[in-house]
Protein backbone atom coordinates (compact mmCIF):
# COMPACT_ATOMS: atom_id res chain seq x y z
CA MET A 1 14.72 45.49 -12.95
CA GLU A 2 12.47 44.62 -15.69
CA ARG A 3 13.30 41.37 -17.91
CA LYS A 4 14.47 43.64 -21.16
CA GLN A 5 16.88 45.49 -18.35
CA LEU A 6 18.25 42.47 -16.94
CA ILE A 7 18.84 40.54 -20.31
CA GLU A 8 20.63 43.73 -21.62
CA GLU A 9 22.98 43.51 -18.03
CA ILE A 10 23.52 40.02 -18.40
CA ASN A 11 24.98 40.55 -21.45
CA ARG A 12 26.90 43.59 -20.75
CA LEU A 13 28.56 41.90 -17.94
CA ARG A 14 29.17 38.68 -19.99
CA SER A 15 31.07 40.87 -22.61
CA GLU A 16 33.28 43.14 -19.94
CA LYS A 17 34.09 40.30 -17.96
CA ASN A 18 35.03 37.86 -20.61
CA ALA A 19 32.24 35.13 -18.85
CA VAL A 20 30.75 32.28 -20.40
CA ILE A 21 27.05 31.29 -19.59
CA LEU A 22 26.07 27.55 -19.65
CA ALA A 23 23.17 25.85 -19.12
CA HIS A 24 21.30 22.40 -18.90
CA TYR A 25 18.18 21.54 -20.80
CA TYR A 26 16.68 21.08 -17.44
CA GLN A 27 16.44 25.47 -16.93
CA MET A 28 13.68 27.56 -17.51
CA GLY A 29 13.44 28.83 -21.24
CA GLU A 30 14.44 32.12 -20.48
CA MET A 31 17.68 30.51 -18.54
CA GLN A 32 18.46 28.81 -21.93
CA ASP A 33 17.61 31.34 -24.30
CA ILE A 34 20.53 33.68 -22.86
CA ALA A 35 23.02 30.94 -22.23
CA ASP A 36 26.35 30.52 -24.64
CA HIS A 37 25.82 26.56 -24.84
CA VAL A 38 22.95 24.43 -23.52
CA GLY A 39 23.36 20.59 -23.32
CA ASP A 40 23.07 17.93 -21.05
CA SER A 41 25.88 17.00 -18.37
CA LEU A 42 28.22 15.80 -20.44
CA ALA A 43 28.67 18.49 -23.17
CA LEU A 44 28.43 21.01 -20.03
CA ALA A 45 31.57 19.12 -18.57
CA GLN A 46 33.40 19.50 -22.40
CA TRP A 47 32.56 23.02 -22.84
CA ALA A 48 33.49 24.63 -19.45
CA ALA A 49 36.73 22.16 -20.04
CA LYS A 50 37.57 24.15 -23.33
CA THR A 51 36.49 27.53 -23.13
CA ASP A 52 39.15 30.33 -22.79
CA ALA A 53 36.16 32.64 -21.07
CA ASP A 54 37.82 34.13 -17.57
CA ILE A 55 34.21 33.30 -16.09
CA ILE A 56 32.35 30.42 -16.22
CA VAL A 57 29.04 30.73 -14.95
CA LEU A 58 27.43 27.09 -14.70
CA CYS A 59 23.47 27.92 -14.67
CA GLY A 60 22.39 24.52 -13.44
CA VAL A 61 22.82 22.29 -10.29
CA HIS A 62 25.66 22.40 -7.80
CA PHE A 63 27.52 19.38 -8.60
CA MET A 64 27.62 20.67 -12.25
CA GLY A 65 29.47 24.02 -11.12
CA GLU A 66 31.84 21.90 -9.10
CA THR A 67 32.51 19.72 -12.22
CA ALA A 68 33.40 22.73 -14.26
CA LYS A 69 35.79 23.79 -11.51
CA ILE A 70 37.39 20.78 -11.12
CA LEU A 71 38.01 20.71 -15.11
CA SER A 72 39.11 24.40 -15.18
CA PRO A 73 41.10 24.79 -11.76
CA TYR A 74 42.16 28.30 -12.67
CA LYS A 75 39.22 30.12 -14.12
CA LYS A 76 36.41 31.25 -11.70
CA VAL A 77 33.47 29.44 -11.73
CA LEU A 78 29.76 30.91 -10.53
CA ILE A 79 26.37 29.34 -10.13
CA PRO A 80 23.25 31.45 -9.71
CA ASP A 81 22.17 29.92 -6.82
CA MET A 82 24.31 28.10 -4.03
CA GLU A 83 21.08 26.16 -3.31
CA ALA A 84 20.04 24.50 -6.31
CA GLY A 85 21.26 21.33 -4.95
CA CYS A 86 20.54 17.82 -6.91
CA SER A 87 18.20 15.13 -5.11
CA LEU A 88 20.48 12.44 -6.63
CA ALA A 89 23.94 13.85 -5.44
CA ASP A 90 22.08 14.27 -2.25
CA SER A 91 21.16 10.79 -2.11
CA CYS A 92 24.80 9.15 -1.75
CA PRO A 93 26.63 11.13 1.30
CA VAL A 94 30.13 10.72 0.68
CA ASN A 95 31.07 9.28 4.77
CA VAL A 96 28.29 6.68 3.81
CA PHE A 97 29.23 5.63 0.41
CA GLU A 98 33.06 5.31 1.39
CA LYS A 99 31.96 2.62 3.70
CA PHE A 100 30.32 0.93 1.33
CA VAL A 101 33.30 0.68 -1.21
CA GLN A 102 35.82 -0.22 1.78
CA ALA A 103 33.57 -2.84 2.44
CA HIS A 104 33.55 -4.30 -1.20
CA PRO A 105 37.45 -4.35 -1.90
CA GLY A 106 38.55 -5.63 -5.57
CA TYR A 107 35.00 -3.51 -7.17
CA THR A 108 35.64 -0.84 -9.88
CA VAL A 109 33.71 2.19 -8.83
CA VAL A 110 31.79 3.77 -11.63
CA SER A 111 29.98 6.84 -10.23
CA TYR A 112 27.57 8.53 -12.46
CA VAL A 113 28.31 12.80 -12.75
CA ASN A 114 25.34 13.29 -10.72
CA THR A 115 27.72 13.48 -7.67
CA THR A 116 29.84 15.81 -5.40
CA ALA A 117 33.27 15.91 -5.93
CA ALA A 118 33.80 14.32 -2.65
CA VAL A 119 32.43 10.95 -4.02
CA LYS A 120 33.93 11.65 -7.46
CA ALA A 121 37.53 11.42 -5.58
CA LEU A 122 36.55 7.86 -4.62
CA THR A 123 35.54 6.50 -8.26
CA ASP A 124 37.52 4.49 -10.57
CA VAL A 125 35.82 6.25 -13.63
CA VAL A 126 32.65 9.09 -14.22
CA VAL A 127 29.73 8.33 -16.61
CA THR A 128 26.93 10.07 -17.79
CA SER A 129 23.34 8.74 -19.13
CA THR A 130 24.72 9.50 -22.54
CA ASN A 131 28.28 7.55 -22.21
CA SER A 132 27.27 5.01 -19.48
CA LYS A 133 26.79 2.10 -21.47
CA LYS A 134 29.49 2.48 -23.82
CA ILE A 135 32.26 3.03 -21.30
CA ILE A 136 30.73 0.17 -18.89
CA ASP A 137 30.79 -1.66 -22.47
CA GLN A 138 34.79 -1.07 -22.61
CA LEU A 139 35.51 -2.50 -18.88
CA PRO A 140 36.28 -6.22 -18.54
CA LYS A 141 33.42 -8.93 -19.02
CA ASP A 142 34.07 -10.61 -15.39
CA GLU A 143 34.83 -6.98 -13.93
CA LYS A 144 33.01 -6.40 -10.18
CA ILE A 145 31.69 -2.94 -10.53
CA ILE A 146 29.99 -0.61 -8.04
CA PHE A 147 27.66 1.79 -9.78
CA GLY A 148 25.91 4.41 -7.62
CA PRO A 149 24.06 6.56 -6.86
CA ASP A 150 21.00 5.90 -9.73
CA ARG A 151 19.76 2.55 -8.90
CA ASN A 152 17.65 3.29 -11.62
CA LEU A 153 20.32 4.02 -14.43
CA GLY A 154 22.36 1.22 -13.01
CA ASP A 155 19.23 -1.25 -13.39
CA TYR A 156 19.10 -0.31 -17.18
CA ILE A 157 22.75 -0.65 -17.89
CA ASN A 158 22.66 -3.98 -16.44
CA SER A 159 19.76 -4.96 -18.49
CA VAL A 160 21.58 -3.51 -21.89
CA THR A 161 25.16 -4.56 -21.04
CA GLY A 162 24.31 -8.26 -19.40
CA ARG A 163 26.16 -6.85 -16.18
CA ASN A 164 25.55 -7.41 -12.53
CA MET A 165 27.11 -4.21 -11.06
CA LEU A 166 26.59 -3.69 -7.67
CA LEU A 167 24.07 -0.86 -7.16
CA TRP A 168 23.90 2.41 -4.84
CA ASP A 169 20.49 2.76 -3.37
CA GLY A 170 19.88 6.21 -4.68
CA ALA A 171 17.61 7.99 -7.42
CA CYS A 172 16.42 11.14 -8.28
CA HIS A 173 13.25 13.00 -7.12
CA VAL A 174 11.93 13.98 -10.55
CA HIS A 175 12.61 10.55 -12.45
CA GLU A 176 11.20 8.40 -9.88
CA GLN A 177 7.74 10.52 -9.63
CA PHE A 178 6.76 9.63 -13.18
CA SER A 179 3.12 8.24 -12.80
CA LEU A 180 2.89 4.72 -14.72
CA GLU A 181 -0.91 5.27 -14.83
CA LYS A 182 -1.06 8.92 -16.54
CA LEU A 183 1.48 7.25 -18.84
CA LEU A 184 -0.96 4.95 -19.93
CA LYS A 185 -3.76 7.66 -19.77
CA LEU A 186 -1.95 9.59 -22.11
CA LYS A 187 -0.97 6.73 -24.47
CA GLU A 188 -4.71 6.22 -24.99
CA VAL A 189 -5.29 10.37 -25.99
CA TYR A 190 -2.24 9.91 -28.10
CA PRO A 191 -2.05 6.49 -29.45
CA GLN A 192 0.37 7.55 -32.42
CA ALA A 193 2.54 9.39 -29.82
CA GLU A 194 6.14 8.05 -29.37
CA VAL A 195 7.17 7.55 -25.41
CA ILE A 196 10.76 8.78 -24.97
CA ALA A 197 12.21 8.40 -21.64
CA HIS A 198 15.59 8.89 -19.43
CA PRO A 199 16.85 5.85 -18.00
CA GLU A 200 16.74 7.53 -14.61
CA CYS A 201 13.17 6.57 -14.69
CA LYS A 202 11.99 3.62 -12.90
CA THR A 203 11.88 0.28 -15.32
CA GLN A 204 8.18 0.47 -15.16
CA ILE A 205 8.46 3.27 -17.09
CA LEU A 206 11.06 2.14 -19.26
CA ILE A 207 9.52 -1.02 -20.25
CA VAL A 208 6.83 1.43 -21.78
CA ALA A 209 8.98 3.46 -23.92
CA ASP A 210 9.56 3.64 -27.42
CA PHE A 211 12.92 5.23 -26.96
CA VAL A 212 15.77 5.37 -24.02
CA GLY A 213 18.44 7.80 -23.82
CA SER A 214 19.70 11.14 -21.94
CA THR A 215 18.26 14.46 -22.38
CA GLN A 216 20.59 14.84 -25.48
CA ALA A 217 19.82 11.85 -27.39
CA MET A 218 15.94 11.99 -26.07
CA LEU A 219 16.41 15.77 -28.25
CA ASN A 220 18.35 14.10 -31.28
CA HIS A 221 15.71 11.49 -31.26
CA ALA A 222 12.72 13.54 -31.45
CA THR A 223 14.18 15.73 -34.32
CA LYS A 224 15.28 12.66 -36.75
CA SER A 225 11.96 10.37 -35.75
CA SER A 226 9.20 10.83 -38.47
CA ALA A 227 6.74 10.73 -35.31
CA LYS A 228 4.44 13.85 -35.22
CA GLU A 229 3.53 13.08 -31.60
CA PHE A 230 6.35 12.67 -28.50
CA ILE A 231 4.75 11.61 -24.91
CA VAL A 232 8.19 12.49 -22.81
CA ALA A 233 9.20 11.49 -19.54
CA THR A 234 12.37 13.55 -17.96
CA GLU A 235 12.27 16.78 -16.93
CA SER A 236 10.00 19.08 -18.38
CA GLY A 237 12.69 21.98 -18.98
CA ILE A 238 13.96 19.91 -22.49
CA LEU A 239 10.56 20.37 -24.05
CA HIS A 240 11.92 24.00 -24.29
CA GLN A 241 14.66 22.99 -27.00
CA MET A 242 12.31 20.09 -28.54
CA GLU A 243 9.81 22.36 -29.30
CA ALA A 244 12.11 25.25 -30.67
CA GLN A 245 14.10 22.43 -33.08
CA ASN A 246 10.75 21.09 -33.88
CA PRO A 247 8.23 23.27 -34.32
CA ASP A 248 5.72 21.04 -36.32
CA LYS A 249 5.60 18.48 -33.47
CA ILE A 250 3.86 18.08 -30.54
CA PHE A 251 5.13 17.32 -27.36
CA ILE A 252 3.65 15.39 -24.20
CA PRO A 253 5.24 15.75 -20.72
CA VAL A 254 4.91 12.78 -18.51
CA PRO A 255 2.65 14.39 -15.29
CA PRO A 256 3.99 13.17 -11.64
CA ASN A 257 2.37 10.90 -9.42
CA ASP A 258 1.27 13.21 -6.69
CA SER A 259 0.24 15.98 -8.74
CA SER A 260 -2.27 17.60 -10.99
CA CYS A 261 0.37 19.97 -13.07
CA GLY A 262 0.66 18.55 -16.49
CA CYS A 263 4.87 18.43 -16.11
CA ASN A 264 7.44 17.55 -13.63
CA GLU A 265 10.07 19.90 -13.12
CA CYS A 266 13.20 19.91 -10.88
CA ASN A 267 12.97 22.68 -7.36
CA PHE A 268 16.30 22.80 -7.38
CA MET A 269 16.71 23.67 -11.05
CA ARG A 270 14.34 25.93 -11.51
CA LEU A 271 15.96 28.24 -8.10
CA ASN A 272 18.45 29.92 -11.19
CA THR A 273 16.68 32.76 -12.52
CA LEU A 274 17.93 35.67 -14.39
CA GLU A 275 17.76 37.75 -11.67
CA LYS A 276 20.32 35.17 -9.57
CA LEU A 277 21.94 35.42 -12.92
CA TYR A 278 22.18 39.48 -13.30
CA LEU A 279 23.03 39.36 -9.99
CA CYS A 280 25.90 36.09 -10.25
CA LEU A 281 27.51 38.41 -12.73
CA ARG A 282 27.71 41.41 -11.30
CA ASP A 283 29.00 40.19 -7.95
CA GLU A 284 30.53 37.56 -9.26
CA THR A 285 29.34 35.08 -6.17
CA PRO A 286 28.41 32.46 -5.48
CA GLU A 287 31.75 30.86 -6.33
CA ILE A 288 32.54 27.16 -6.59
CA LEU A 289 35.84 26.65 -4.60
CA ILE A 290 37.30 23.12 -4.40
CA ASP A 291 40.16 22.08 -2.28
CA PRO A 292 43.19 21.26 -4.63
CA GLN A 293 43.80 17.92 -3.13
CA LEU A 294 40.26 16.94 -3.53
CA ARG A 295 40.33 18.12 -6.88
CA GLU A 296 43.10 16.29 -8.43
CA ARG A 297 41.94 12.97 -7.04
CA ALA A 298 38.41 14.15 -8.54
CA VAL A 299 39.77 15.38 -11.92
CA LYS A 300 41.04 11.51 -12.30
CA PRO A 301 37.81 9.88 -13.55
CA ILE A 302 36.12 12.17 -15.26
CA LEU A 303 39.13 12.85 -17.14
CA ARG A 304 38.82 9.04 -17.97
CA MET A 305 35.77 9.33 -19.04
CA LEU A 306 36.35 12.07 -21.48
CA GLU A 307 39.43 9.77 -22.72
CA MET A 308 36.48 6.55 -23.21
CA SER A 309 33.84 8.59 -24.38
């Protein structure tokens, strides 16, 4: 089926089935363009919770679909490709994490949203890169905290809050791969450019950055800043929105270490395509299903996050 016909069919099915399409900033541009809402993890969670659609199609990765289902248990939640996982979520197996938590009694467990429903069920409060500092700042100064699974985000939160959280040793394969050497060379080529980076990046990247923030915060900063050039250290899908909202500005992606490519893409995010989105709406599958008892435990830390945000 040609692209134009795919888009027409997606729009027809969306209308007929009262479906809403949510897309993460790291999706391909054409996936973002067809979505009803585009956002980061927190925004997608909030839209999923308040939509009155019968079907939610989450164009992102598996844990995002789970989060939508946790918040909307009576709605049908679909994702275009069930294989769209997350290296960060995969770095925190629930059975190993549970033993880690049990080995540290008396600790408050704070988990990044990039985790499975099972890990969320072991968590006291979930955070995103957008609200992590705000939530940690609300916890007592002497509170002992386990933070997982992203060690880079945990390191960053420790540095800006003065905490000493116990960090799980996980990371995002995209943000781990940014090349400091290539970033510094880009700064030589674009001396007037601001460096903006996601807190999932390694400390050596964040030290060089002029601004550190979530995907939404980076987008907002790029729009408000008087700078005309930006070197961007996060998944390159966000450049689609940055360029759309700021056509007079230049955005340069930081390359990964092991590639001659000029951008750093999440191979899981790129599994979602227009054709898979069409088939997903047509067949109403793959569907995200969560055990009701697990859902009851997993929703509590998410609701606490939304209250504290």
